[in-house]
Amino acid sequence: MTSKELADKIAVLLDNKKGIDIEVIDVADKTVLADYFVICSGNSTTQIKALADEVEVVLKNEDEIYADHVEGRNSNRWILIDYKDVVVHIFHPEERANYDLEKLWETKKPI
């Protein structure tokens, strides 16, 4: 599975679990950290945990893909799941607005 296919599959999984404002951002030309960031929000810490669990369980069971690293399980307000070429960010709306990763990694070039 290519990194684009993985990012798209993760976006579908998040959408199926009612993730909010899902974005797939191509960052391959901007960083060596990953090829894609998948960003979404959940309405509560319970939903954020459920979204992260869904991604991890489905990728493990269907594709035998395991996260390289997971952060944020203690608070469930920003869970980061690192699949090497694809990094998943699942945010509480307040954290998403505060960190504004979309703006940080936007594709527009400054004038």
Protein backbone atom coordinates (compact mmCIF):
# COMPACT_ATOMS: atom_id res chain seq x y z
CA MET A 1 0.00 0.00 0.00
CA THR A 2 1.39 3.41 -0.95
CA SER A 3 1.50 6.22 1.58
CA LYS A 4 -1.25 8.03 -0.35
CA GLU A 5 -3.47 4.94 -0.26
CA LEU A 6 -2.81 4.57 3.47
CA ALA A 7 -3.63 8.23 4.13
CA ASP A 8 -6.85 7.94 2.12
CA LYS A 9 -7.86 4.73 3.91
CA ILE A 10 -7.28 6.37 7.29
CA ALA A 11 -9.41 9.35 6.22
CA VAL A 12 -12.25 6.96 5.29
CA LEU A 13 -11.95 5.13 8.62
CA LEU A 14 -12.13 8.43 10.50
CA ASP A 15 -15.12 9.54 8.43
CA ASN A 16 -16.93 6.27 9.11
CA LYS A 17 -16.48 6.92 12.86
CA LYS A 18 -17.88 10.46 12.49
CA GLY A 19 -14.54 12.28 12.66
CA ILE A 20 -14.95 16.01 12.05
CA ASP A 21 -13.23 18.19 9.43
CA ILE A 22 -10.90 15.49 8.10
CA GLU A 23 -7.95 16.70 6.03
CA VAL A 24 -5.20 14.84 4.21
CA ILE A 25 -2.18 17.11 3.74
CA ASP A 26 0.71 16.23 1.44
CA VAL A 27 3.85 17.29 3.32
CA ALA A 28 6.39 15.23 1.36
CA ASP A 29 8.02 18.30 -0.20
CA LYS A 30 8.12 20.17 3.11
CA THR A 31 9.58 17.71 5.62
CA VAL A 32 11.29 14.36 6.00
CA LEU A 33 8.93 13.51 8.89
CA ALA A 34 6.22 12.02 6.68
CA ASP A 35 4.61 12.10 3.25
CA TYR A 36 1.10 12.83 4.56
CA PHE A 37 -0.58 14.19 7.65
CA VAL A 38 -4.16 13.09 8.27
CA ILE A 39 -5.87 15.55 10.61
CA CYS A 40 -9.31 15.36 12.17
CA SER A 41 -11.24 16.37 15.27
CA GLY A 42 -13.53 14.61 17.68
CA ASN A 43 -16.19 16.17 19.90
CA SER A 44 -15.00 14.61 23.14
CA THR A 45 -12.08 12.71 24.63
CA THR A 46 -14.20 9.56 24.35
CA GLN A 47 -14.72 10.08 20.61
CA ILE A 48 -11.05 10.97 20.08
CA LYS A 49 -10.02 7.70 21.75
CA ALA A 50 -12.58 5.76 19.67
CA LEU A 51 -11.27 7.34 16.45
CA ALA A 52 -7.68 6.43 17.30
CA ASP A 53 -8.68 2.91 18.33
CA GLU A 54 -10.55 2.39 15.06
CA VAL A 55 -7.56 3.40 12.94
CA GLU A 56 -5.16 1.18 14.87
CA VAL A 57 -7.44 -1.88 15.04
CA VAL A 58 -8.57 -1.84 11.41
CA LEU A 59 -5.08 -1.28 9.98
CA LYS A 60 -3.70 -4.04 12.19
CA ASN A 61 -6.46 -6.54 11.42
CA GLU A 62 -7.03 -5.82 7.72
CA ASP A 63 -3.57 -4.80 6.53
CA GLU A 64 -1.14 -5.94 9.24
CA ILE A 65 0.05 -2.34 9.55
CA TYR A 66 1.18 -1.33 13.02
CA ALA A 67 1.84 2.14 14.36
CA ASP A 68 5.49 2.95 14.85
CA HIS A 69 4.62 5.25 17.75
CA VAL A 70 1.52 6.63 19.51
CA GLU A 71 1.39 9.77 21.67
CA GLY A 72 -1.37 11.42 23.68
CA ARG A 73 -3.27 8.44 25.05
CA ASN A 74 -3.05 9.88 28.58
CA SER A 75 -5.19 12.93 27.87
CA ASN A 76 -7.04 11.91 24.67
CA ARG A 77 -7.10 15.57 23.60
CA TRP A 78 -4.50 15.18 20.85
CA ILE A 79 -3.58 11.67 19.80
CA LEU A 80 -0.78 11.29 17.30
CA ILE A 81 -0.36 7.96 15.52
CA ASP A 82 2.86 7.60 13.55
CA TYR A 83 2.82 5.18 10.61
CA LYS A 84 6.20 6.52 9.37
CA ASP A 85 5.08 7.90 5.99
CA VAL A 86 1.65 8.86 7.33
CA VAL A 87 1.10 10.66 10.63
CA VAL A 88 -2.41 10.84 12.04
CA HIS A 89 -3.42 13.75 14.29
CA ILE A 90 -6.75 13.42 16.12
CA PHE A 91 -7.58 16.58 18.01
CA HIS A 92 -10.03 18.00 20.49
CA PRO A 93 -11.33 21.17 18.75
CA GLU A 94 -9.57 23.49 21.24
CA GLU A 95 -6.18 21.89 20.63
CA ARG A 96 -6.70 21.85 16.89
CA ALA A 97 -7.47 25.57 16.87
CA ASN A 98 -4.49 26.28 19.13
CA TYR A 99 -1.89 24.34 17.12
CA ASP A 100 -3.44 25.03 13.69
CA LEU A 101 -1.37 22.44 11.83
CA GLU A 102 -3.23 23.14 8.61
CA LYS A 103 -1.91 26.69 8.55
CA LEU A 104 1.57 25.57 9.59
CA TRP A 105 1.75 23.11 6.70
CA GLU A 106 -0.36 25.01 4.17
CA THR A 107 0.58 24.58 0.55
CA LYS A 108 0.43 28.23 -0.50
CA LYS A 109 3.77 29.81 -1.22
CA PRO A 110 4.43 33.22 0.39
CA ILE A 111 4.48 36.19 -1.96
